[in-house]
Amino acid sequence: MSIKILLADDHKIIRDGLRALIDMQEDMEVVADAHNGRTAVELARNLAPHVVVMDVSMPDLNGIDATRKILTALPKVKVIALSMYSDRRFVTEMFKAGAAGYLLKDCAFEELSRAINTVMSGNIYISPTIANLVVENLVQRTGPKNAGSVFSQLTHREREVLQLIAEGKTTKRIAAQCHISIKTVETHRKHIMEKLSLNSVAELTKYAIREGLTPLEK
């Protein structure tokens, strides 16, 4: 039986390249690809792939929260982060969201293939290039817990709203995408600004980009 794989990355050239390489493998097949986190969640729910190769920073819904949504609905799915970020925050938050693997985009395809087979065997895969970050995080757990992280300061819904605000979506559009009322969106925005001590959409946008919540290119 082939391993069914869903690719989630906002760059088409990466999705196309990975699809071509994966489809050359006898025991793997790409069943779909997604250009943003929200689409990745929808496709995962509809197709139930064995593995999702997930970028961390994507439009509409970041890879960390997309991973959390996918695994809430489909706990048996294995999510592998394939990211340009080696920052401890992103590595830690992806694993907290339930990811089974994490590797960097500058890796060779052979490493991704190895990671897929590793997680399908029920094990965790951590790229050797970031393994030290995981160890350091374990050592430092007795200290402050990411006090300044967007993932510790805001709720899942507040992060979702913040990302859409930073990407230029109108209040009406955000309400429709999140299936909430316009008044609720406005309340979330007010709470986000209060929590982060920010006073404008421009400041929110800069913060979201700095925290890696949304890509620079939208």
N, C-alpha and C. Protein backbone atom coordinates (compact mmCIF):
# COMPACT_ATOMS: atom_id res chain seq x y z
N MET A 1 0.83 -1.20 0.00
CA MET A 1 0.00 0.00 0.00
C MET A 1 0.87 1.25 0.00
N SER A 2 0.55 2.19 -0.87
CA SER A 2 1.31 3.43 -0.94
C SER A 2 0.99 4.35 0.23
N ILE A 3 1.99 5.11 0.65
CA ILE A 3 1.79 6.13 1.68
C ILE A 3 1.16 7.35 1.01
N LYS A 4 -0.03 7.72 1.45
CA LYS A 4 -0.72 8.87 0.86
C LYS A 4 -0.24 10.15 1.54
N ILE A 5 0.21 11.10 0.73
CA ILE A 5 0.85 12.31 1.27
C ILE A 5 0.13 13.57 0.77
N LEU A 6 -0.11 14.48 1.70
CA LEU A 6 -0.65 15.81 1.37
C LEU A 6 0.47 16.83 1.55
N LEU A 7 0.70 17.66 0.54
CA LEU A 7 1.73 18.69 0.60
C LEU A 7 1.08 20.04 0.90
N ALA A 8 1.64 20.77 1.86
CA ALA A 8 1.12 22.09 2.21
C ALA A 8 2.27 23.10 2.23
N ASP A 9 2.30 23.95 1.23
CA ASP A 9 3.34 24.98 1.11
C ASP A 9 2.79 26.09 0.23
N ASP A 10 3.11 27.35 0.57
CA ASP A 10 2.55 28.45 -0.22
C ASP A 10 3.35 28.76 -1.48
N HIS A 11 4.43 28.02 -1.74
CA HIS A 11 5.20 28.22 -2.97
C HIS A 11 4.97 27.07 -3.93
N LYS A 12 4.40 27.38 -5.09
CA LYS A 12 4.04 26.34 -6.06
C LYS A 12 5.25 25.55 -6.53
N ILE A 13 6.37 26.23 -6.70
CA ILE A 13 7.56 25.54 -7.21
C ILE A 13 8.02 24.45 -6.23
N ILE A 14 7.85 24.70 -4.94
CA ILE A 14 8.22 23.70 -3.94
C ILE A 14 7.23 22.54 -3.96
N ARG A 15 5.94 22.86 -4.05
CA ARG A 15 4.93 21.79 -4.12
C ARG A 15 5.14 20.92 -5.36
N ASP A 16 5.38 21.57 -6.49
CA ASP A 16 5.57 20.81 -7.74
C ASP A 16 6.83 19.96 -7.68
N GLY A 17 7.90 20.52 -7.11
CA GLY A 17 9.15 19.78 -7.01
C GLY A 17 9.02 18.58 -6.10
N LEU A 18 8.38 18.77 -4.94
CA LEU A 18 8.19 17.66 -4.01
C LEU A 18 7.27 16.59 -4.59
N ARG A 19 6.23 17.03 -5.28
CA ARG A 19 5.31 16.07 -5.90
C ARG A 19 6.05 15.18 -6.89
N ALA A 20 6.89 15.81 -7.73
CA ALA A 20 7.63 15.04 -8.73
C ALA A 20 8.56 14.02 -8.07
N LEU A 21 9.24 14.43 -7.02
CA LEU A 21 10.18 13.53 -6.34
C LEU A 21 9.46 12.41 -5.59
N ILE A 22 8.38 12.77 -4.91
CA ILE A 22 7.63 11.77 -4.14
C ILE A 22 6.96 10.75 -5.05
N ASP A 23 6.39 11.22 -6.15
CA ASP A 23 5.69 10.31 -7.06
C ASP A 23 6.63 9.34 -7.76
N MET A 24 7.93 9.61 -7.69
CA MET A 24 8.92 8.68 -8.25
C MET A 24 9.18 7.50 -7.32
N GLN A 25 8.71 7.63 -6.07
CA GLN A 25 8.92 6.55 -5.10
C GLN A 25 7.82 5.50 -5.27
N GLU A 26 8.20 4.24 -5.22
CA GLU A 26 7.24 3.16 -5.44
C GLU A 26 6.18 3.08 -4.35
N ASP A 27 6.53 3.46 -3.14
CA ASP A 27 5.61 3.28 -2.01
C ASP A 27 5.00 4.58 -1.51
N MET A 28 5.06 5.65 -2.31
CA MET A 28 4.51 6.93 -1.90
C MET A 28 3.75 7.58 -3.04
N GLU A 29 2.71 8.34 -2.69
CA GLU A 29 1.98 9.10 -3.70
C GLU A 29 1.42 10.38 -3.08
N VAL A 30 1.43 11.46 -3.86
CA VAL A 30 0.86 12.73 -3.41
C VAL A 30 -0.61 12.73 -3.81
N VAL A 31 -1.50 12.85 -2.83
CA VAL A 31 -2.93 12.81 -3.12
C VAL A 31 -3.49 14.21 -3.36
N ALA A 32 -2.79 15.24 -2.87
CA ALA A 32 -3.25 16.62 -3.08
C ALA A 32 -2.19 17.58 -2.55
N ASP A 33 -2.32 18.84 -2.93
CA ASP A 33 -1.44 19.86 -2.34
C ASP A 33 -2.24 21.10 -2.03
N ALA A 34 -1.77 21.86 -1.05
CA ALA A 34 -2.48 23.05 -0.57
C ALA A 34 -1.53 24.24 -0.53
N HIS A 35 -2.05 25.41 -0.89
CA HIS A 35 -1.22 26.62 -0.93
C HIS A 35 -1.38 27.46 0.33
N ASN A 36 -2.29 27.07 1.23
CA ASN A 36 -2.41 27.77 2.51
C ASN A 36 -2.88 26.81 3.59
N GLY A 37 -2.78 27.22 4.84
CA GLY A 37 -3.11 26.33 5.94
C GLY A 37 -4.57 25.94 6.01
N ARG A 38 -5.45 26.86 5.68
CA ARG A 38 -6.88 26.56 5.76
C ARG A 38 -7.27 25.48 4.74
N THR A 39 -6.73 25.60 3.53
CA THR A 39 -7.00 24.59 2.51
C THR A 39 -6.40 23.24 2.91
N ALA A 40 -5.23 23.27 3.54
CA ALA A 40 -4.60 22.03 4.00
C ALA A 40 -5.50 21.30 4.99
N VAL A 41 -6.12 22.04 5.90
CA VAL A 41 -7.02 21.44 6.88
C VAL A 41 -8.22 20.80 6.18
N GLU A 42 -8.80 21.51 5.23
CA GLU A 42 -9.97 21.01 4.52
C GLU A 42 -9.63 19.74 3.73
N LEU A 43 -8.49 19.77 3.02
CA LEU A 43 -8.09 18.62 2.23
C LEU A 43 -7.78 17.41 3.11
N ALA A 44 -7.13 17.67 4.23
CA ALA A 44 -6.80 16.58 5.15
C ALA A 44 -8.09 15.92 5.67
N ARG A 45 -9.06 16.73 6.03
CA ARG A 45 -10.33 16.18 6.53
C ARG A 45 -11.05 15.37 5.46
N ASN A 46 -10.95 15.82 4.21
CA ASN A 46 -11.66 15.13 3.12
C ASN A 46 -10.93 13.88 2.64
N LEU A 47 -9.59 13.92 2.64
CA LEU A 47 -8.81 12.85 2.03
C LEU A 47 -8.16 11.89 3.02
N ALA A 48 -8.05 12.31 4.28
CA ALA A 48 -7.42 11.49 5.33
C ALA A 48 -6.09 10.88 4.86
N PRO A 49 -5.10 11.70 4.52
CA PRO A 49 -3.79 11.17 4.09
C PRO A 49 -3.07 10.51 5.26
N HIS A 50 -2.06 9.73 4.95
CA HIS A 50 -1.25 9.15 6.00
C HIS A 50 -0.29 10.19 6.59
N VAL A 51 0.25 11.04 5.69
CA VAL A 51 1.26 12.04 6.09
C VAL A 51 0.92 13.39 5.48
N VAL A 52 1.11 14.44 6.26
CA VAL A 52 1.01 15.81 5.75
C VAL A 52 2.38 16.45 5.90
N VAL A 53 2.95 16.91 4.80
CA VAL A 53 4.22 17.65 4.83
C VAL A 53 3.83 19.12 4.90
N MET A 54 4.09 19.75 6.02
CA MET A 54 3.52 21.06 6.34
C MET A 54 4.57 22.15 6.49
N ASP A 55 4.42 23.23 5.71
CA ASP A 55 5.24 24.41 5.93
C ASP A 55 4.74 25.12 7.18
N VAL A 56 5.62 25.79 7.89
CA VAL A 56 5.23 26.45 9.13
C VAL A 56 4.55 27.79 8.87
N SER A 57 5.07 28.56 7.93
CA SER A 57 4.54 29.90 7.66
C SER A 57 3.78 29.91 6.35
N MET A 58 2.45 30.05 6.45
CA MET A 58 1.60 30.05 5.26
C MET A 58 0.47 31.06 5.40
N PRO A 59 -0.10 31.49 4.28
CA PRO A 59 -1.22 32.44 4.32
C PRO A 59 -2.48 31.83 4.93
N ASP A 60 -3.41 32.69 5.36
CA ASP A 60 -4.73 32.33 5.87
C ASP A 60 -4.70 31.62 7.22
N LEU A 61 -3.85 30.60 7.35
CA LEU A 61 -3.73 29.89 8.62
C LEU A 61 -2.32 29.32 8.69
N ASN A 62 -1.57 29.68 9.71
CA ASN A 62 -0.19 29.22 9.81
C ASN A 62 -0.12 27.71 10.01
N GLY A 63 1.05 27.14 9.71
CA GLY A 63 1.22 25.70 9.76
C GLY A 63 1.06 25.09 11.14
N ILE A 64 1.38 25.86 12.18
CA ILE A 64 1.26 25.34 13.54
C ILE A 64 -0.20 25.14 13.92
N ASP A 65 -1.02 26.15 13.69
CA ASP A 65 -2.43 26.02 14.01
C ASP A 65 -3.15 25.08 13.04
N ALA A 66 -2.69 25.04 11.79
CA ALA A 66 -3.26 24.09 10.83
C ALA A 66 -2.98 22.66 11.28
N THR A 67 -1.77 22.43 11.77
CA THR A 67 -1.41 21.10 12.29
C THR A 67 -2.31 20.72 13.45
N ARG A 68 -2.53 21.66 14.35
CA ARG A 68 -3.38 21.38 15.51
C ARG A 68 -4.81 21.03 15.08
N LYS A 69 -5.34 21.75 14.10
CA LYS A 69 -6.70 21.48 13.62
C LYS A 69 -6.79 20.11 12.94
N ILE A 70 -5.78 19.79 12.13
CA ILE A 70 -5.77 18.51 11.43
C ILE A 70 -5.74 17.35 12.42
N LEU A 71 -4.86 17.45 13.40
CA LEU A 71 -4.70 16.35 14.35
C LEU A 71 -5.85 16.25 15.34
N THR A 72 -6.56 17.33 15.55
CA THR A 72 -7.77 17.27 16.37
C THR A 72 -8.83 16.44 15.67
N ALA A 73 -8.93 16.64 14.35
CA ALA A 73 -9.92 15.90 13.56
C ALA A 73 -9.45 14.50 13.19
N LEU A 74 -8.13 14.37 12.93
CA LEU A 74 -7.57 13.11 12.46
C LEU A 74 -6.30 12.78 13.25
N PRO A 75 -6.44 12.28 14.46
CA PRO A 75 -5.28 12.06 15.32
C PRO A 75 -4.27 11.04 14.80
N LYS A 76 -4.66 10.19 13.86
CA LYS A 76 -3.73 9.19 13.33
C LYS A 76 -2.84 9.71 12.20
N VAL A 77 -3.15 10.89 11.68
CA VAL A 77 -2.34 11.48 10.61
C VAL A 77 -0.98 11.89 11.17
N LYS A 78 0.06 11.71 10.39
CA LYS A 78 1.40 12.14 10.79
C LYS A 78 1.74 13.44 10.06
N VAL A 79 2.09 14.45 10.82
CA VAL A 79 2.46 15.74 10.23
C VAL A 79 3.96 15.94 10.36
N ILE A 80 4.60 16.25 9.24
CA ILE A 80 6.03 16.55 9.23
C ILE A 80 6.21 18.01 8.83
N ALA A 81 6.84 18.79 9.68
CA ALA A 81 7.12 20.18 9.36
C ALA A 81 8.33 20.25 8.42
N LEU A 82 8.16 20.95 7.32
CA LEU A 82 9.27 21.21 6.40
C LEU A 82 9.37 22.73 6.29
N SER A 83 10.35 23.30 6.97
CA SER A 83 10.35 24.74 7.18
C SER A 83 11.70 25.38 6.93
N MET A 84 11.67 26.68 6.68
CA MET A 84 12.90 27.46 6.57
C MET A 84 13.34 27.94 7.95
N TYR A 85 12.46 27.79 8.96
CA TYR A 85 12.74 28.28 10.30
C TYR A 85 13.40 27.23 11.18
N SER A 86 14.55 27.59 11.74
CA SER A 86 15.21 26.71 12.71
C SER A 86 15.10 27.29 14.12
N ASP A 87 14.36 28.40 14.24
CA ASP A 87 14.18 29.05 15.53
C ASP A 87 13.50 28.10 16.52
N ARG A 88 13.98 28.09 17.76
CA ARG A 88 13.46 27.18 18.78
C ARG A 88 11.95 27.31 18.95
N ARG A 89 11.42 28.53 18.84
CA ARG A 89 9.99 28.73 19.04
C ARG A 89 9.15 27.91 18.09
N PHE A 90 9.54 27.92 16.79
CA PHE A 90 8.74 27.22 15.79
C PHE A 90 8.86 25.71 15.93
N VAL A 91 10.08 25.25 16.21
CA VAL A 91 10.29 23.82 16.41
C VAL A 91 9.45 23.34 17.60
N THR A 92 9.54 24.06 18.70
CA THR A 92 8.81 23.68 19.91
C THR A 92 7.30 23.70 19.70
N GLU A 93 6.79 24.77 19.07
CA GLU A 93 5.35 24.90 18.90
C GLU A 93 4.80 23.86 17.92
N MET A 94 5.59 23.49 16.90
CA MET A 94 5.12 22.45 15.98
C MET A 94 4.97 21.12 16.71
N PHE A 95 5.93 20.78 17.55
CA PHE A 95 5.82 19.52 18.28
C PHE A 95 4.70 19.59 19.33
N LYS A 96 4.51 20.76 19.94
CA LYS A 96 3.40 20.91 20.88
C LYS A 96 2.06 20.76 20.18
N ALA A 97 2.01 21.16 18.90
CA ALA A 97 0.78 21.03 18.12
C ALA A 97 0.52 19.58 17.71
N GLY A 98 1.55 18.74 17.86
CA GLY A 98 1.37 17.32 17.56
C GLY A 98 2.16 16.79 16.39
N ALA A 99 3.03 17.61 15.81
CA ALA A 99 3.82 17.15 14.67
C ALA A 99 4.68 15.96 15.05
N ALA A 100 4.91 15.08 14.08
CA ALA A 100 5.71 13.88 14.31
C ALA A 100 7.13 14.04 13.78
N GLY A 101 7.38 15.14 13.08
CA GLY A 101 8.71 15.35 12.54
C GLY A 101 8.96 16.80 12.19
N TYR A 102 10.22 17.17 12.11
CA TYR A 102 10.59 18.56 11.76
C TYR A 102 11.93 18.53 11.05
N LEU A 103 11.97 19.08 9.84
CA LEU A 103 13.23 19.23 9.13
C LEU A 103 13.22 20.51 8.31
N LEU A 104 14.40 20.93 7.91
CA LEU A 104 14.55 22.22 7.23
C LEU A 104 14.51 22.06 5.71
N LYS A 105 14.14 23.15 5.05
CA LYS A 105 13.96 23.10 3.60
C LYS A 105 15.26 22.92 2.83
N ASP A 106 16.38 23.14 3.48
CA ASP A 106 17.64 22.95 2.76
C ASP A 106 18.13 21.50 2.83
N CYS A 107 17.29 20.60 3.34
CA CYS A 107 17.68 19.18 3.43
C CYS A 107 17.57 18.53 2.05
N ALA A 108 18.22 17.39 1.90
CA ALA A 108 18.11 16.61 0.67
C ALA A 108 16.80 15.84 0.70
N PHE A 109 16.31 15.45 -0.49
CA PHE A 109 15.05 14.72 -0.53
C PHE A 109 15.16 13.39 0.21
N GLU A 110 16.34 12.81 0.21
CA GLU A 110 16.53 11.54 0.91
C GLU A 110 16.18 11.67 2.39
N GLU A 111 16.44 12.85 2.98
CA GLU A 111 16.11 13.03 4.39
C GLU A 111 14.59 13.10 4.58
N LEU A 112 13.90 13.78 3.68
CA LEU A 112 12.44 13.84 3.77
C LEU A 112 11.85 12.44 3.63
N SER A 113 12.36 11.67 2.68
CA SER A 113 11.89 10.30 2.49
C SER A 113 12.12 9.47 3.75
N ARG A 114 13.28 9.65 4.37
CA ARG A 114 13.59 8.94 5.61
C ARG A 114 12.65 9.37 6.73
N ALA A 115 12.35 10.67 6.78
CA ALA A 115 11.45 11.19 7.81
C ALA A 115 10.04 10.60 7.64
N ILE A 116 9.57 10.51 6.41
CA ILE A 116 8.24 9.95 6.15
C ILE A 116 8.17 8.50 6.63
N ASN A 117 9.17 7.72 6.28
CA ASN A 117 9.18 6.32 6.70
C ASN A 117 9.32 6.18 8.22
N THR A 118 10.06 7.11 8.82
CA THR A 118 10.25 7.07 10.27
C THR A 118 8.94 7.32 11.01
N VAL A 119 8.22 8.37 10.61
CA VAL A 119 6.96 8.67 11.31
C VAL A 119 5.89 7.62 11.02
N MET A 120 5.94 7.03 9.84
CA MET A 120 4.97 5.98 9.52
C MET A 120 5.23 4.73 10.36
N SER A 121 6.44 4.61 10.88
CA SER A 121 6.78 3.48 11.76
C SER A 121 6.42 3.77 13.21
N GLY A 122 5.85 4.95 13.44
CA GLY A 122 5.42 5.31 14.79
C GLY A 122 6.46 6.05 15.60
N ASN A 123 7.54 6.49 14.95
CA ASN A 123 8.61 7.20 15.65
C ASN A 123 8.61 8.69 15.30
N ILE A 124 9.31 9.47 16.09
CA ILE A 124 9.48 10.90 15.85
C ILE A 124 10.74 11.12 15.02
N TYR A 125 10.66 12.05 14.05
CA TYR A 125 11.86 12.37 13.28
C TYR A 125 12.25 13.82 13.54
N ILE A 126 13.48 14.01 13.97
CA ILE A 126 14.03 15.36 14.16
C ILE A 126 15.31 15.47 13.36
N SER A 127 15.37 16.44 12.48
CA SER A 127 16.56 16.63 11.68
C SER A 127 17.77 16.86 12.58
N PRO A 128 18.90 16.22 12.28
CA PRO A 128 20.10 16.42 13.09
C PRO A 128 20.50 17.88 13.23
N THR A 129 20.15 18.71 12.22
CA THR A 129 20.54 20.12 12.26
C THR A 129 19.79 20.91 13.31
N ILE A 130 18.66 20.41 13.80
CA ILE A 130 17.90 21.14 14.82
C ILE A 130 17.74 20.34 16.11
N ALA A 131 18.30 19.15 16.16
CA ALA A 131 18.15 18.30 17.35
C ALA A 131 18.63 19.01 18.61
N ASN A 132 19.69 19.80 18.48
CA ASN A 132 20.22 20.49 19.66
C ASN A 132 19.22 21.49 20.24
N LEU A 133 18.37 22.07 19.36
CA LEU A 133 17.36 23.02 19.84
C LEU A 133 16.36 22.31 20.73
N VAL A 134 15.99 21.09 20.35
CA VAL A 134 15.03 20.33 21.13
C VAL A 134 15.61 19.99 22.50
N VAL A 135 16.88 19.58 22.51
CA VAL A 135 17.54 19.25 23.77
C VAL A 135 17.63 20.49 24.66
N GLU A 136 18.01 21.63 24.09
CA GLU A 136 18.11 22.87 24.86
C GLU A 136 16.77 23.25 25.46
N ASN A 137 15.70 23.03 24.68
CA ASN A 137 14.37 23.36 25.18
C ASN A 137 14.00 22.50 26.37
N LEU A 138 14.35 21.22 26.32
CA LEU A 138 14.08 20.33 27.45
C LEU A 138 14.84 20.77 28.70
N VAL A 139 16.09 21.19 28.50
CA VAL A 139 16.92 21.62 29.62
C VAL A 139 16.38 22.88 30.26
N GLN A 140 15.82 23.77 29.43
CA GLN A 140 15.38 25.07 29.92
C GLN A 140 13.92 25.11 30.36
N ARG A 141 13.26 23.97 30.42
CA ARG A 141 11.84 23.95 30.78
C ARG A 141 11.55 24.46 32.18
N THR A 142 12.56 24.47 33.02
CA THR A 142 12.34 24.97 34.39
C THR A 142 12.32 26.49 34.43
N GLY A 143 12.73 27.12 33.32
CA GLY A 143 12.75 28.58 33.26
C GLY A 143 11.45 29.13 32.72
N PRO A 144 11.42 30.43 32.36
CA PRO A 144 10.22 31.06 31.83
C PRO A 144 9.75 30.34 30.57
N LYS A 145 8.45 30.16 30.42
CA LYS A 145 7.89 29.42 29.30
C LYS A 145 7.47 30.34 28.17
N ASN A 146 8.44 30.72 27.32
CA ASN A 146 8.14 31.51 26.13
C ASN A 146 7.23 32.70 26.44
N ALA A 147 7.62 33.48 27.43
CA ALA A 147 6.77 34.57 27.89
C ALA A 147 6.39 35.54 26.78
N GLY A 148 7.29 35.73 25.81
CA GLY A 148 7.00 36.70 24.77
C GLY A 148 6.48 36.11 23.49
N SER A 149 6.15 34.83 23.47
CA SER A 149 5.72 34.16 22.25
C SER A 149 4.26 34.44 21.94
N VAL A 150 3.97 34.62 20.65
CA VAL A 150 2.58 34.81 20.22
C VAL A 150 1.75 33.58 20.57
N PHE A 151 2.39 32.41 20.66
CA PHE A 151 1.66 31.19 20.95
C PHE A 151 1.34 31.04 22.43
N SER A 152 2.00 31.80 23.28
CA SER A 152 1.68 31.76 24.71
C SER A 152 0.78 32.93 25.11
N GLN A 153 0.81 34.01 24.35
CA GLN A 153 0.05 35.20 24.71
C GLN A 153 -1.37 35.21 24.16
N LEU A 154 -1.56 34.60 22.99
CA LEU A 154 -2.87 34.64 22.34
C LEU A 154 -3.50 33.26 22.25
N THR A 155 -4.83 33.23 22.22
CA THR A 155 -5.54 31.96 22.04
C THR A 155 -5.45 31.54 20.57
N HIS A 156 -5.88 30.30 20.28
CA HIS A 156 -5.88 29.82 18.89
C HIS A 156 -6.68 30.75 17.99
N ARG A 157 -7.87 31.13 18.44
CA ARG A 157 -8.73 32.00 17.62
C ARG A 157 -8.13 33.38 17.45
N GLU A 158 -7.53 33.91 18.51
CA GLU A 158 -6.90 35.24 18.40
C GLU A 158 -5.75 35.22 17.42
N ARG A 159 -4.97 34.14 17.40
CA ARG A 159 -3.88 34.03 16.41
C ARG A 159 -4.44 33.98 15.00
N GLU A 160 -5.52 33.25 14.84
CA GLU A 160 -6.15 33.14 13.52
C GLU A 160 -6.62 34.50 13.04
N VAL A 161 -7.29 35.24 13.91
CA VAL A 161 -7.78 36.58 13.56
C VAL A 161 -6.61 37.53 13.29
N LEU A 162 -5.59 37.48 14.14
CA LEU A 162 -4.42 38.34 13.95
C LEU A 162 -3.76 38.08 12.60
N GLN A 163 -3.59 36.83 12.24
CA GLN A 163 -2.96 36.51 10.96
C GLN A 163 -3.77 37.08 9.80
N LEU A 164 -5.08 36.93 9.84
CA LEU A 164 -5.93 37.43 8.75
C LEU A 164 -5.93 38.96 8.70
N ILE A 165 -5.89 39.61 9.86
CA ILE A 165 -5.77 41.07 9.89
C ILE A 165 -4.47 41.50 9.23
N ALA A 166 -3.38 40.83 9.61
CA ALA A 166 -2.05 41.17 9.07
C ALA A 166 -1.97 40.94 7.57
N GLU A 167 -2.79 40.02 7.06
CA GLU A 167 -2.78 39.72 5.63
C GLU A 167 -3.76 40.59 4.85
N GLY A 168 -4.31 41.60 5.54
CA GLY A 168 -5.13 42.60 4.85
C GLY A 168 -6.58 42.23 4.64
N LYS A 169 -7.07 41.20 5.32
CA LYS A 169 -8.47 40.80 5.16
C LYS A 169 -9.38 41.80 5.90
N THR A 170 -10.54 42.08 5.33
CA THR A 170 -11.50 42.96 5.97
C THR A 170 -12.17 42.22 7.13
N THR A 171 -12.80 43.00 8.01
CA THR A 171 -13.51 42.40 9.15
C THR A 171 -14.60 41.45 8.66
N LYS A 172 -15.30 41.84 7.62
CA LYS A 172 -16.36 41.00 7.06
C LYS A 172 -15.79 39.69 6.52
N ARG A 173 -14.67 39.78 5.82
CA ARG A 173 -14.03 38.58 5.25
C ARG A 173 -13.53 37.65 6.37
N ILE A 174 -12.95 38.24 7.40
CA ILE A 174 -12.45 37.43 8.52
C ILE A 174 -13.61 36.70 9.19
N ALA A 175 -14.72 37.41 9.39
CA ALA A 175 -15.90 36.80 10.02
C ALA A 175 -16.38 35.61 9.21
N ALA A 176 -16.41 35.78 7.88
CA ALA A 176 -16.88 34.70 7.01
C ALA A 176 -15.93 33.50 7.04
N GLN A 177 -14.63 33.75 6.99
CA GLN A 177 -13.65 32.66 6.97
C GLN A 177 -13.62 31.91 8.29
N CYS A 178 -13.80 32.62 9.40
CA CYS A 178 -13.73 31.99 10.72
C CYS A 178 -15.10 31.52 11.23
N HIS A 179 -16.16 31.83 10.44
CA HIS A 179 -17.52 31.44 10.81
C HIS A 179 -17.93 32.04 12.15
N ILE A 180 -17.62 33.33 12.31
CA ILE A 180 -18.02 34.06 13.50
C ILE A 180 -18.63 35.39 13.07
N SER A 181 -19.22 36.13 14.00
CA SER A 181 -19.85 37.40 13.65
C SER A 181 -18.82 38.52 13.53
N ILE A 182 -19.22 39.58 12.86
CA ILE A 182 -18.35 40.75 12.71
C ILE A 182 -18.03 41.33 14.09
N LYS A 183 -19.04 41.36 14.96
CA LYS A 183 -18.83 41.89 16.32
C LYS A 183 -17.79 41.06 17.07
N THR A 184 -17.81 39.74 16.87
CA THR A 184 -16.83 38.88 17.54
C THR A 184 -15.43 39.15 17.02
N VAL A 185 -15.29 39.39 15.72
CA VAL A 185 -13.99 39.73 15.15
C VAL A 185 -13.47 41.00 15.78
N GLU A 186 -14.34 42.01 15.89
CA GLU A 186 -13.93 43.28 16.49
C GLU A 186 -13.52 43.10 17.95
N THR A 187 -14.22 42.23 18.66
CA THR A 187 -13.87 41.95 20.06
C THR A 187 -12.51 41.28 20.15
N HIS A 188 -12.27 40.31 19.27
CA HIS A 188 -10.97 39.64 19.24
C HIS A 188 -9.85 40.65 18.95
N ARG A 189 -10.08 41.54 17.98
CA ARG A 189 -9.07 42.54 17.64
C ARG A 189 -8.75 43.43 18.83
N LYS A 190 -9.79 43.84 19.55
CA LYS A 190 -9.62 44.68 20.73
C LYS A 190 -8.78 43.94 21.79
N HIS A 191 -9.11 42.68 22.03
CA HIS A 191 -8.37 41.90 23.02
C HIS A 191 -6.92 41.67 22.61
N ILE A 192 -6.70 41.43 21.31
CA ILE A 192 -5.34 41.22 20.80
C ILE A 192 -4.50 42.47 21.04
N MET A 193 -5.06 43.62 20.70
CA MET A 193 -4.33 44.88 20.88
C MET A 193 -4.01 45.13 22.35
N GLU A 194 -4.96 44.80 23.22
CA GLU A 194 -4.75 44.99 24.66
C GLU A 194 -3.66 44.06 25.17
N LYS A 195 -3.71 42.80 24.76
CA LYS A 195 -2.73 41.82 25.22
C LYS A 195 -1.32 42.16 24.75
N LEU A 196 -1.21 42.65 23.52
CA LEU A 196 0.10 42.92 22.92
C LEU A 196 0.55 44.37 23.10
N SER A 197 -0.33 45.20 23.68
CA SER A 197 -0.04 46.64 23.86
C SER A 197 0.29 47.30 22.52
N LEU A 198 -0.51 46.99 21.51
CA LEU A 198 -0.36 47.57 20.18
C LEU A 198 -1.59 48.40 19.87
N ASN A 199 -1.41 49.45 19.03
CA ASN A 199 -2.48 50.42 18.86
C ASN A 199 -3.00 50.59 17.44
N SER A 200 -2.45 49.84 16.48
CA SER A 200 -2.89 50.01 15.09
C SER A 200 -2.73 48.71 14.31
N VAL A 201 -3.40 48.65 13.17
CA VAL A 201 -3.29 47.48 12.29
C VAL A 201 -1.86 47.35 11.77
N ALA A 202 -1.22 48.48 11.52
CA ALA A 202 0.16 48.45 11.04
C ALA A 202 1.08 47.78 12.06
N GLU A 203 0.89 48.11 13.34
CA GLU A 203 1.69 47.49 14.40
C GLU A 203 1.39 46.01 14.53
N LEU A 204 0.11 45.65 14.38
CA LEU A 204 -0.27 44.23 14.42
C LEU A 204 0.38 43.46 13.28
N THR A 205 0.41 44.08 12.11
CA THR A 205 1.00 43.42 10.93
C THR A 205 2.49 43.19 11.13
N LYS A 206 3.19 44.19 11.61
CA LYS A 206 4.63 44.06 11.87
C LYS A 206 4.89 42.97 12.90
N TYR A 207 4.05 42.93 13.92
CA TYR A 207 4.21 41.92 14.97
C TYR A 207 4.00 40.51 14.41
N ALA A 208 2.95 40.33 13.60
CA ALA A 208 2.63 39.01 13.04
C ALA A 208 3.77 38.52 12.14
N ILE A 209 4.35 39.41 11.36
CA ILE A 209 5.46 39.03 10.48
C ILE A 209 6.69 38.70 11.30
N ARG A 210 6.98 39.53 12.30
CA ARG A 210 8.14 39.30 13.15
C ARG A 210 8.06 37.97 13.89
N GLU A 211 6.86 37.59 14.29
CA GLU A 211 6.67 36.34 15.02
C GLU A 211 6.55 35.13 14.10
N GLY A 212 6.60 35.36 12.77
CA GLY A 212 6.52 34.24 11.84
C GLY A 212 5.10 33.70 11.70
N LEU A 213 4.11 34.48 12.14
CA LEU A 213 2.73 34.04 12.07
C LEU A 213 2.19 34.09 10.65
N THR A 214 2.75 34.97 9.86
CA THR A 214 2.33 35.10 8.47
C THR A 214 3.57 35.36 7.61
N PRO A 215 3.59 34.83 6.39
CA PRO A 215 4.75 35.07 5.51
C PRO A 215 4.78 36.50 5.03
N LEU A 216 5.98 36.97 4.64
CA LEU A 216 6.10 38.33 4.11
C LEU A 216 5.33 38.48 2.81
N GLU A 217 5.34 37.42 1.99
CA GLU A 217 4.64 37.43 0.71
C GLU A 217 3.26 36.84 0.90
N LYS A 218 2.24 37.58 0.52
CA LYS A 218 0.88 37.08 0.70
C LYS A 218 0.18 37.04 -0.64
